[in-house]
Protein backbone atom coordinates (compact mmCIF):
# COMPACT_ATOMS: atom_id res chain seq x y z
CA MET A 1 39.59 17.08 -23.51
CA SER A 2 40.59 13.57 -22.42
CA LEU A 3 38.04 10.92 -21.47
CA LEU A 4 39.25 10.96 -17.85
CA ARG A 5 38.54 14.68 -17.61
CA LEU A 6 35.12 14.21 -19.19
CA LEU A 7 34.00 11.49 -16.76
CA PRO A 8 33.25 13.79 -13.78
CA VAL A 9 31.33 16.16 -16.05
CA LEU A 10 29.30 13.33 -17.53
CA PHE A 11 28.60 11.88 -14.07
CA LEU A 12 27.35 15.24 -12.78
CA ALA A 13 25.11 15.68 -15.82
CA LEU A 14 23.62 12.20 -15.35
CA LEU A 15 23.06 12.84 -11.63
CA GLN A 16 21.28 16.13 -12.29
CA THR A 17 19.11 14.49 -14.94
CA ALA A 18 18.17 11.67 -12.57
CA GLN A 19 17.28 14.12 -9.80
CA ALA A 20 15.15 16.19 -12.15
CA GLN A 21 13.24 13.08 -13.23
CA THR A 22 12.62 11.81 -9.68
CA PRO A 23 8.99 12.46 -8.66
CA ALA A 24 8.51 14.85 -5.75
CA TYR A 25 7.51 13.71 -2.29
CA ALA A 26 3.72 13.97 -2.03
CA GLY A 27 2.94 12.72 1.45
CA LEU A 28 3.81 10.98 4.68
CA ILE A 29 2.54 7.61 5.88
CA ASP A 30 0.98 8.41 9.24
CA ARG A 31 -0.14 4.87 10.16
CA ILE A 32 0.19 1.46 8.55
CA SER A 33 -0.86 -2.06 9.52
CA GLY A 34 -1.16 -5.42 7.81
CA GLN A 35 0.40 -6.46 4.52
CA VAL A 36 1.17 -3.46 2.30
CA ILE A 37 3.47 -3.48 -0.72
CA ALA A 38 4.50 -0.29 -2.50
CA ARG A 39 5.79 0.24 -6.03
CA SER A 40 7.48 3.41 -7.26
CA ALA A 41 6.67 5.10 -10.56
CA SER A 42 9.83 3.50 -11.98
CA GLY A 43 8.59 0.02 -11.05
CA ASN A 44 10.76 -0.67 -7.99
CA THR A 45 9.01 -2.32 -5.07
CA PHE A 46 9.67 -1.30 -1.48
CA GLN A 47 8.26 -1.91 1.97
CA PRO A 48 6.50 1.20 3.30
CA ALA A 49 6.68 2.02 7.01
CA ALA A 50 5.11 4.44 9.45
CA PHE A 51 6.56 7.97 9.18
CA SER A 52 8.11 7.27 5.75
CA ARG A 53 7.43 9.50 2.77
CA VAL A 54 5.78 8.55 -0.51
CA ARG A 55 6.32 10.13 -3.90
CA ASP A 56 3.95 11.23 -6.61
CA GLY A 57 3.26 8.12 -8.69
CA ASP A 58 3.92 5.51 -5.99
CA GLU A 59 1.32 2.75 -5.84
CA LEU A 60 0.33 1.04 -2.60
CA ASP A 61 -1.30 -2.39 -2.64
CA LEU A 62 -3.17 -3.31 0.54
CA ALA A 63 -4.08 -6.92 1.31
CA ALA A 64 -7.38 -7.75 3.00
CA GLY A 65 -7.40 -6.35 6.52
CA ALA A 66 -4.50 -3.96 5.91
CA ALA A 67 -4.83 -0.23 6.57
CA VAL A 68 -2.83 2.87 5.64
CA GLN A 69 -3.17 6.55 6.54
CA VAL A 70 -1.39 9.05 4.28
CA VAL A 71 -1.01 12.75 5.00
CA TYR A 72 -0.71 14.79 1.79
CA PHE A 73 1.55 17.83 1.86
CA GLU A 74 -0.17 19.79 -0.91
CA GLY A 75 -3.79 19.32 0.12
CA ARG A 76 -2.99 19.17 3.85
CA LYS A 77 -5.38 16.28 4.28
CA ARG A 78 -5.27 12.75 5.72
CA GLU A 79 -6.61 9.76 3.81
CA SER A 80 -7.47 6.41 5.41
CA TRP A 81 -7.37 3.38 3.11
CA GLN A 82 -8.67 -0.10 4.00
CA GLY A 83 -7.63 -3.28 2.18
CA PRO A 84 -8.17 -4.98 -0.07
CA ALA A 85 -7.40 -1.92 -2.14
CA ARG A 86 -4.78 -0.40 -4.42
CA PHE A 87 -4.19 3.29 -4.96
CA ARG A 88 -1.76 5.67 -6.64
CA VAL A 89 -0.26 8.57 -4.73
CA LYS A 90 -0.81 11.95 -6.37
CA ALA A 91 0.11 15.43 -5.17
CA ALA A 92 -3.49 16.33 -4.31
CA GLY A 93 -4.48 12.92 -2.90
CA GLY A 94 -4.76 9.22 -3.61
CA GLU A 95 -6.24 7.83 -6.83
CA ALA A 96 -8.18 4.60 -6.23
CA LEU A 97 -7.17 1.81 -8.63
CA SER A 98 -9.15 -0.98 -6.98
CA GLY A 99 -11.20 -1.49 -3.85
CA LYS A 100 -13.02 1.08 -1.76
CA ALA A 101 -12.06 4.75 -1.97
CA ALA A 102 -10.40 6.37 1.04
CA ALA A 103 -12.05 8.32 3.81
CA SER A 104 -10.57 11.82 3.90
CA SER A 105 -10.22 14.45 6.62
CA GLU A 106 -8.47 17.81 7.02
CA VAL A 107 -5.13 18.06 8.83
CA LYS A 108 -6.14 20.73 11.29
CA GLY A 109 -3.83 23.67 11.86
CA ALA A 110 -0.99 22.62 9.54
CA PRO A 111 0.87 25.90 8.96
CA THR A 112 2.39 25.22 5.53
CA ARG A 113 3.14 22.50 3.00
CA VAL A 114 6.82 22.83 3.97
CA ALA A 115 5.98 22.16 7.63
CA LEU A 116 4.16 18.96 6.77
CA ALA A 117 7.02 17.86 4.52
CA ALA A 118 9.49 18.46 7.36
CA ALA A 119 7.65 15.84 9.42
CA GLY A 120 8.93 13.27 6.91
CA ASN A 121 12.51 13.97 8.00
CA VAL A 122 12.03 11.70 11.01
CA GLN A 123 12.65 8.80 8.65
CA ARG A 124 16.31 9.87 8.53
CA ILE A 125 16.85 9.15 12.24
CA GLY A 126 18.99 6.08 12.85
CA GLY A 127 17.62 2.94 11.24
CA LEU A 128 14.47 4.72 10.10
CA THR A 129 16.24 6.20 7.05
CA LEU A 130 14.08 5.45 4.01
CA ARG A 131 14.24 7.23 0.64
CA GLY A 132 15.62 10.39 2.31
CA GLY A 133 17.97 13.09 1.12
CA PRO A 134 20.21 15.63 2.82
CA THR A 135 18.56 18.34 4.89
CA LYS A 136 19.80 21.76 5.98
CA ILE A 137 20.75 22.50 9.57
CA PRO A 138 18.26 25.14 10.82
CA ASP A 139 19.70 28.28 12.38
CA ASP A 140 18.33 29.93 15.54
CA ALA A 141 15.97 32.19 13.60
CA ALA A 142 14.50 29.21 11.74
CA VAL A 143 14.07 27.33 15.02
CA ALA A 144 12.21 30.32 16.51
CA ARG A 145 9.84 30.42 13.52
CA ALA A 146 9.25 26.66 13.78
CA ARG A 147 8.40 26.97 17.46
CA SER A 148 5.92 29.72 16.65
CA ASP A 149 4.29 27.56 13.96
CA TYR A 150 4.14 24.63 16.37
CA ALA A 151 2.48 26.71 19.09
CA GLU A 152 -0.27 27.77 16.67
CA TRP A 153 -0.65 24.28 15.19
CA ILE A 154 -1.29 22.47 18.48
CA LYS A 155 -4.04 24.95 19.39
CA VAL A 156 -6.33 23.47 16.75
CA ALA A 157 -4.88 19.99 16.07
CA ASP A 158 -6.71 16.92 17.34
CA ALA A 159 -5.62 15.93 20.84
CA ASP A 160 -3.94 12.70 19.66
CA ASP A 161 -2.44 14.06 16.41
CA ILE A 162 1.37 13.79 16.61
CA LEU A 163 2.06 15.52 13.28
CA PRO A 164 3.04 18.78 15.05
CA GLU A 165 5.61 16.86 17.10
CA LEU A 166 6.88 14.93 14.07
CA TYR A 167 7.29 18.30 12.35
CA MET A 168 9.45 19.68 15.15
CA ILE A 169 11.48 16.49 15.55
CA GLY A 170 12.04 16.22 11.80
CA PHE A 171 12.92 19.89 11.54
CA LEU A 172 15.29 19.98 14.52
CA GLN A 173 16.99 16.60 14.29
CA GLU A 174 19.89 17.89 12.17
CA ARG A 175 20.90 20.15 15.08
CA ARG A 176 21.86 17.01 17.05
CA ASP A 177 20.72 18.66 20.28
CA PRO A 178 18.72 16.39 22.62
CA ASP A 179 17.62 19.37 24.73
CA LEU A 180 15.90 20.90 21.69
CA LEU A 181 14.13 17.65 20.82
CA ALA A 182 13.15 16.51 24.31
CA PRO A 183 9.99 18.64 24.79
CA TYR A 184 8.51 17.42 21.51
CA VAL A 185 9.44 13.81 22.16
CA GLN A 186 7.71 13.97 25.55
CA ALA A 187 4.65 15.64 23.99
CA MET A 188 4.47 12.91 21.35
CA LEU A 189 4.71 10.18 24.00
CA LYS A 190 1.99 11.83 26.04
CA LYS A 191 -0.35 11.79 23.04
CA GLN A 192 0.37 8.22 21.92
CA PRO A 193 2.17 6.45 24.80
CA ASP A 194 1.42 2.89 23.72
CA ARG A 195 2.02 3.10 19.97
CA PRO A 196 4.93 0.82 18.96
CA GLU A 197 6.17 3.07 16.13
CA VAL A 198 6.37 6.03 18.51
CA LYS A 199 8.34 3.98 21.04
CA THR A 200 10.74 2.87 18.29
CA LEU A 201 11.27 6.46 17.16
CA VAL A 202 12.03 7.56 20.72
CA GLU A 203 14.58 4.74 21.05
CA ARG A 204 16.26 5.86 17.82
CA LEU A 205 16.47 9.39 19.15
CA GLY A 206 18.10 8.17 22.34
CA ILE A 207 15.97 10.39 24.57
CA GLN A 208 14.89 8.93 27.90
CA PRO A 209 11.10 9.09 28.35
CA GLN A 210 9.83 10.78 31.48
CA ALA A 211 8.21 8.57 34.10
CA ARG A 212 4.44 8.33 33.61
């Protein structure tokens, strides 16, 4: 076989190897403020943002006065870190490397690990794309199941918790249907009307907020 014919095969093998070695997503940054620098397990630094996902092995370094909340998919819990501190993201929760350990609370009503992970898809919307990959377009049956999960989730979630809405927006955004997204965008705005990151997300979605 000629070298030219071998190149695509070699490229595919290298790509599959790289994907297999990439750590899995472990959580979603729910809130972030102040100076925070993140470093991946491979040593690359990146700037974390609200609603972006973090992988197993990522390290977050918080300067004095900085704060980060991370929602972990596996443990379905939320950790609140205050700087100065440094911690490593693990599947079950954060591992403190310096500074004060995080305060932890349960994510109430989260239906499944997959549902929490779907909330991280909002990072793929417009300019919010960060460390994301391709997602499947949900069919009508999947949308019906998601709506059922959402209805149960919001019964027990805290009144200002927008994770259920992020789940639905992240899950449905590949359908490119504003009418599907609008109810969850409005619900999110009602819960956190003055939060800048929420306003930015709504602008990226291109959905007009209802008059308050």
